[in-house]
Amino acid sequence: MISNEPKKRKLRLKASIVRFSRKTLLIIFTGVLTAIVFGYCALYIVLKGPSPTFSNYVISTLMETRRGKAIVHHFFTDEEIQTVLQKTVLRIQKKSLLIMKKTL
């Protein structure tokens, strides 16, 4: 009589490897999806959040980079971006004028 036990062991091993790889992939996928959702929510809170001054500075900083422009355009319209940038430029000009007056 030839025993089928080695074949059964191989089948059990293959089944356990498949189960382990499925669980691992599910855990990795869940972690990546959670990180993406968390990052999106964090950006939404920062850009549309309770502090318009901080939001304006973040928007003006992101608009200076290539990828940042895509992020800002995802959350705001072109008109909103232009008003924020104009406010930021005016604020910077006022500060520089005050500094110049103090030095004179």
N, C-alpha and C. Protein backbone atom coordinates (compact mmCIF):
# COMPACT_ATOMS: atom_id res chain seq x y z
N MET A 1 0.81 -1.18 0.00
CA MET A 1 0.00 0.00 0.00
C MET A 1 0.86 1.25 0.00
N ILE A 2 0.51 2.11 -0.88
CA ILE A 2 1.23 3.38 -0.97
C ILE A 2 0.40 4.42 -0.23
N SER A 3 1.09 5.15 0.60
CA SER A 3 0.40 6.15 1.42
C SER A 3 0.26 7.47 0.66
N ASN A 4 -0.87 8.10 0.82
CA ASN A 4 -1.12 9.40 0.21
C ASN A 4 -0.78 10.54 1.16
N GLU A 5 -0.15 10.21 2.27
CA GLU A 5 0.14 11.23 3.28
C GLU A 5 1.07 12.34 2.79
N PRO A 6 2.14 12.08 2.05
CA PRO A 6 2.97 13.19 1.56
C PRO A 6 2.20 14.14 0.65
N LYS A 7 1.29 13.62 -0.18
CA LYS A 7 0.50 14.48 -1.05
C LYS A 7 -0.43 15.36 -0.23
N LYS A 8 -1.02 14.78 0.82
CA LYS A 8 -1.92 15.54 1.67
C LYS A 8 -1.16 16.65 2.39
N ARG A 9 0.05 16.36 2.82
CA ARG A 9 0.86 17.38 3.48
C ARG A 9 1.17 18.53 2.53
N LYS A 10 1.52 18.19 1.29
CA LYS A 10 1.82 19.24 0.31
C LYS A 10 0.58 20.08 0.03
N LEU A 11 -0.57 19.44 -0.08
CA LEU A 11 -1.79 20.19 -0.32
C LEU A 11 -2.12 21.10 0.86
N ARG A 12 -1.93 20.60 2.08
CA ARG A 12 -2.17 21.43 3.27
C ARG A 12 -1.20 22.60 3.31
N LEU A 13 0.06 22.34 2.96
CA LEU A 13 1.07 23.40 2.95
C LEU A 13 0.71 24.46 1.91
N LYS A 14 0.32 24.04 0.72
CA LYS A 14 -0.07 24.99 -0.31
C LYS A 14 -1.29 25.80 0.11
N ALA A 15 -2.26 25.14 0.72
CA ALA A 15 -3.46 25.83 1.17
C ALA A 15 -3.13 26.85 2.26
N SER A 16 -2.23 26.48 3.16
CA SER A 16 -1.87 27.42 4.23
C SER A 16 -1.07 28.60 3.68
N ILE A 17 -0.24 28.36 2.68
CA ILE A 17 0.51 29.46 2.05
C ILE A 17 -0.46 30.41 1.34
N VAL A 18 -1.43 29.88 0.63
CA VAL A 18 -2.42 30.70 -0.07
C VAL A 18 -3.21 31.53 0.94
N ARG A 19 -3.65 30.90 2.04
CA ARG A 19 -4.39 31.63 3.06
C ARG A 19 -3.55 32.74 3.67
N PHE A 20 -2.28 32.43 3.96
CA PHE A 20 -1.39 33.44 4.54
C PHE A 20 -1.17 34.59 3.58
N SER A 21 -0.95 34.30 2.31
CA SER A 21 -0.71 35.38 1.34
C SER A 21 -1.96 36.22 1.13
N ARG A 22 -3.14 35.62 1.14
CA ARG A 22 -4.38 36.40 1.02
C ARG A 22 -4.56 37.32 2.21
N LYS A 23 -4.32 36.80 3.41
CA LYS A 23 -4.46 37.62 4.61
C LYS A 23 -3.44 38.76 4.60
N THR A 24 -2.22 38.46 4.19
CA THR A 24 -1.18 39.48 4.15
C THR A 24 -1.52 40.58 3.15
N LEU A 25 -1.97 40.19 1.97
CA LEU A 25 -2.36 41.18 0.97
C LEU A 25 -3.54 42.01 1.44
N LEU A 26 -4.48 41.39 2.12
CA LEU A 26 -5.63 42.12 2.65
C LEU A 26 -5.19 43.14 3.71
N ILE A 27 -4.28 42.75 4.55
CA ILE A 27 -3.78 43.65 5.59
C ILE A 27 -3.01 44.82 4.95
N ILE A 28 -2.17 44.53 3.97
CA ILE A 28 -1.41 45.58 3.29
C ILE A 28 -2.35 46.54 2.57
N PHE A 29 -3.33 46.00 1.84
CA PHE A 29 -4.29 46.82 1.13
C PHE A 29 -5.09 47.70 2.09
N THR A 30 -5.50 47.14 3.21
CA THR A 30 -6.24 47.91 4.21
C THR A 30 -5.38 49.03 4.79
N GLY A 31 -4.13 48.75 5.06
CA GLY A 31 -3.22 49.77 5.59
C GLY A 31 -2.99 50.90 4.61
N VAL A 32 -2.78 50.57 3.35
CA VAL A 32 -2.56 51.60 2.33
C VAL A 32 -3.81 52.44 2.14
N LEU A 33 -4.97 51.80 2.07
CA LEU A 33 -6.22 52.52 1.92
C LEU A 33 -6.49 53.44 3.11
N THR A 34 -6.19 52.97 4.31
CA THR A 34 -6.36 53.79 5.51
C THR A 34 -5.43 55.00 5.48
N ALA A 35 -4.19 54.81 5.04
CA ALA A 35 -3.25 55.92 4.96
C ALA A 35 -3.71 56.96 3.93
N ILE A 36 -4.25 56.50 2.81
CA ILE A 36 -4.73 57.43 1.78
C ILE A 36 -5.91 58.24 2.30
N VAL A 37 -6.86 57.57 2.94
CA VAL A 37 -8.04 58.26 3.48
C VAL A 37 -7.62 59.24 4.58
N PHE A 38 -6.71 58.82 5.44
CA PHE A 38 -6.24 59.70 6.51
C PHE A 38 -5.54 60.93 5.93
N GLY A 39 -4.69 60.73 4.92
CA GLY A 39 -4.00 61.86 4.31
C GLY A 39 -4.95 62.82 3.63
N TYR A 40 -5.95 62.29 2.94
CA TYR A 40 -6.94 63.15 2.29
C TYR A 40 -7.71 63.97 3.33
N CYS A 41 -8.13 63.32 4.41
CA CYS A 41 -8.87 64.04 5.46
C CYS A 41 -7.99 65.09 6.13
N ALA A 42 -6.73 64.77 6.36
CA ALA A 42 -5.83 65.74 6.98
C ALA A 42 -5.63 66.95 6.08
N LEU A 43 -5.43 66.72 4.80
CA LEU A 43 -5.30 67.84 3.86
C LEU A 43 -6.57 68.67 3.79
N TYR A 44 -7.70 68.01 3.80
CA TYR A 44 -8.98 68.73 3.75
C TYR A 44 -9.14 69.62 4.98
N ILE A 45 -8.78 69.09 6.14
CA ILE A 45 -8.90 69.87 7.38
C ILE A 45 -7.93 71.05 7.36
N VAL A 46 -6.71 70.83 6.89
CA VAL A 46 -5.72 71.91 6.87
C VAL A 46 -6.12 72.99 5.86
N LEU A 47 -6.56 72.58 4.67
CA LEU A 47 -6.85 73.56 3.63
C LEU A 47 -8.19 74.26 3.82
N LYS A 48 -9.16 73.57 4.34
CA LYS A 48 -10.48 74.17 4.52
C LYS A 48 -10.80 74.39 6.00
N GLY A 49 -9.80 74.28 6.83
CA GLY A 49 -9.99 74.26 8.27
C GLY A 49 -10.34 75.56 8.92
N PRO A 50 -10.26 75.59 10.24
CA PRO A 50 -10.73 76.73 11.02
C PRO A 50 -9.83 77.96 10.94
N SER A 51 -8.59 77.82 10.53
CA SER A 51 -7.68 78.96 10.50
C SER A 51 -7.45 79.40 9.06
N PRO A 52 -8.08 80.48 8.63
CA PRO A 52 -7.87 80.92 7.24
C PRO A 52 -6.45 81.42 6.98
N THR A 53 -5.80 81.97 7.99
CA THR A 53 -4.43 82.46 7.80
C THR A 53 -3.49 81.30 7.50
N PHE A 54 -3.58 80.25 8.30
CA PHE A 54 -2.72 79.08 8.09
C PHE A 54 -3.05 78.43 6.75
N SER A 55 -4.33 78.35 6.43
CA SER A 55 -4.75 77.78 5.16
C SER A 55 -4.19 78.58 3.99
N ASN A 56 -4.22 79.90 4.10
CA ASN A 56 -3.68 80.75 3.03
C ASN A 56 -2.18 80.54 2.85
N TYR A 57 -1.44 80.41 3.95
CA TYR A 57 0.00 80.17 3.85
C TYR A 57 0.30 78.81 3.23
N VAL A 58 -0.48 77.80 3.60
CA VAL A 58 -0.27 76.47 3.03
C VAL A 58 -0.58 76.48 1.54
N ILE A 59 -1.66 77.16 1.16
CA ILE A 59 -2.02 77.24 -0.26
C ILE A 59 -0.94 77.97 -1.05
N SER A 60 -0.47 79.09 -0.52
CA SER A 60 0.57 79.83 -1.26
C SER A 60 1.87 79.03 -1.35
N THR A 61 2.18 78.26 -0.32
CA THR A 61 3.38 77.43 -0.37
C THR A 61 3.21 76.29 -1.36
N LEU A 62 2.06 75.64 -1.36
CA LEU A 62 1.83 74.53 -2.29
C LEU A 62 1.78 75.00 -3.74
N MET A 63 1.34 76.22 -3.97
CA MET A 63 1.27 76.72 -5.34
C MET A 63 2.65 76.96 -5.94
N GLU A 64 3.68 76.99 -5.13
CA GLU A 64 5.04 77.18 -5.63
C GLU A 64 5.66 75.90 -6.15
N THR A 65 5.05 74.76 -5.86
CA THR A 65 5.59 73.49 -6.31
C THR A 65 4.71 72.90 -7.39
N ARG A 66 5.26 71.98 -8.14
CA ARG A 66 4.53 71.39 -9.26
C ARG A 66 3.41 70.48 -8.77
N ARG A 67 3.70 69.58 -7.87
CA ARG A 67 2.69 68.66 -7.36
C ARG A 67 1.71 69.36 -6.43
N GLY A 68 2.19 70.37 -5.77
CA GLY A 68 1.32 71.11 -4.87
C GLY A 68 0.19 71.80 -5.60
N LYS A 69 0.46 72.25 -6.80
CA LYS A 69 -0.59 72.89 -7.60
C LYS A 69 -1.73 71.92 -7.87
N ALA A 70 -1.40 70.68 -8.16
CA ALA A 70 -2.44 69.68 -8.41
C ALA A 70 -3.27 69.43 -7.16
N ILE A 71 -2.62 69.42 -6.01
CA ILE A 71 -3.34 69.20 -4.76
C ILE A 71 -4.28 70.36 -4.48
N VAL A 72 -3.79 71.58 -4.65
CA VAL A 72 -4.62 72.75 -4.38
C VAL A 72 -5.79 72.82 -5.36
N HIS A 73 -5.52 72.51 -6.64
CA HIS A 73 -6.59 72.54 -7.63
C HIS A 73 -7.64 71.46 -7.38
N HIS A 74 -7.26 70.43 -6.66
CA HIS A 74 -8.22 69.38 -6.31
C HIS A 74 -9.24 69.88 -5.29
N PHE A 75 -8.82 70.79 -4.41
CA PHE A 75 -9.69 71.27 -3.34
C PHE A 75 -10.35 72.62 -3.63
N PHE A 76 -9.75 73.45 -4.47
CA PHE A 76 -10.24 74.81 -4.70
C PHE A 76 -10.43 75.09 -6.18
N THR A 77 -11.27 76.09 -6.48
CA THR A 77 -11.43 76.55 -7.85
C THR A 77 -10.34 77.59 -8.15
N ASP A 78 -10.22 77.95 -9.41
CA ASP A 78 -9.20 78.92 -9.81
C ASP A 78 -9.44 80.30 -9.19
N GLU A 79 -10.70 80.69 -9.08
CA GLU A 79 -11.01 82.00 -8.48
C GLU A 79 -10.62 82.04 -7.00
N GLU A 80 -10.91 80.96 -6.29
CA GLU A 80 -10.54 80.91 -4.87
C GLU A 80 -9.03 80.96 -4.69
N ILE A 81 -8.32 80.27 -5.55
CA ILE A 81 -6.86 80.27 -5.47
C ILE A 81 -6.31 81.67 -5.73
N GLN A 82 -6.83 82.33 -6.73
CA GLN A 82 -6.35 83.68 -7.05
C GLN A 82 -6.62 84.66 -5.92
N THR A 83 -7.79 84.58 -5.27
CA THR A 83 -8.07 85.49 -4.15
C THR A 83 -7.13 85.22 -2.98
N VAL A 84 -6.86 83.96 -2.71
CA VAL A 84 -5.95 83.62 -1.61
C VAL A 84 -4.55 84.13 -1.92
N LEU A 85 -4.09 83.93 -3.14
CA LEU A 85 -2.74 84.40 -3.51
C LEU A 85 -2.65 85.92 -3.47
N GLN A 86 -3.68 86.61 -3.87
CA GLN A 86 -3.67 88.07 -3.81
C GLN A 86 -3.64 88.55 -2.36
N LYS A 87 -4.41 87.90 -1.49
CA LYS A 87 -4.39 88.27 -0.07
C LYS A 87 -3.00 88.07 0.53
N THR A 88 -2.39 86.96 0.17
CA THR A 88 -1.07 86.65 0.71
C THR A 88 -0.04 87.66 0.21
N VAL A 89 -0.10 88.01 -1.05
CA VAL A 89 0.85 88.99 -1.61
C VAL A 89 0.65 90.35 -0.94
N LEU A 90 -0.59 90.76 -0.76
CA LEU A 90 -0.85 92.04 -0.10
C LEU A 90 -0.34 92.05 1.33
N ARG A 91 -0.53 90.95 2.03
CA ARG A 91 -0.07 90.85 3.42
C ARG A 91 1.45 90.94 3.49
N ILE A 92 2.13 90.30 2.56
CA ILE A 92 3.59 90.34 2.53
C ILE A 92 4.08 91.75 2.20
N GLN A 93 3.42 92.41 1.28
CA GLN A 93 3.82 93.78 0.91
C GLN A 93 3.62 94.73 2.09
N LYS A 94 2.54 94.57 2.83
CA LYS A 94 2.30 95.43 3.99
C LYS A 94 3.37 95.21 5.05
N LYS A 95 3.74 93.97 5.27
CA LYS A 95 4.78 93.69 6.27
C LYS A 95 6.11 94.28 5.84
N SER A 96 6.44 94.17 4.57
CA SER A 96 7.71 94.71 4.12
C SER A 96 7.73 96.23 4.20
N LEU A 97 6.59 96.87 3.95
CA LEU A 97 6.50 98.33 4.11
C LEU A 97 6.68 98.75 5.57
N LEU A 98 6.09 97.99 6.48
CA LEU A 98 6.24 98.30 7.91
C LEU A 98 7.69 98.15 8.34
N ILE A 99 8.35 97.14 7.85
CA ILE A 99 9.75 96.94 8.20
C ILE A 99 10.62 98.06 7.65
N MET A 100 10.32 98.51 6.44
CA MET A 100 11.07 99.60 5.85
C MET A 100 10.86 100.91 6.63
N LYS A 101 9.66 101.16 7.10
CA LYS A 101 9.37 102.37 7.86
C LYS A 101 10.10 102.36 9.20
N LYS A 102 10.17 101.19 9.82
CA LYS A 102 10.85 101.09 11.10
C LYS A 102 12.34 101.33 10.97
N THR A 103 12.91 100.90 9.86
CA THR A 103 14.35 101.09 9.69
C THR A 103 14.72 102.52 9.33
N LEU A 104 13.78 103.27 8.78
CA LEU A 104 14.08 104.66 8.41
C LEU A 104 13.98 105.51 9.58
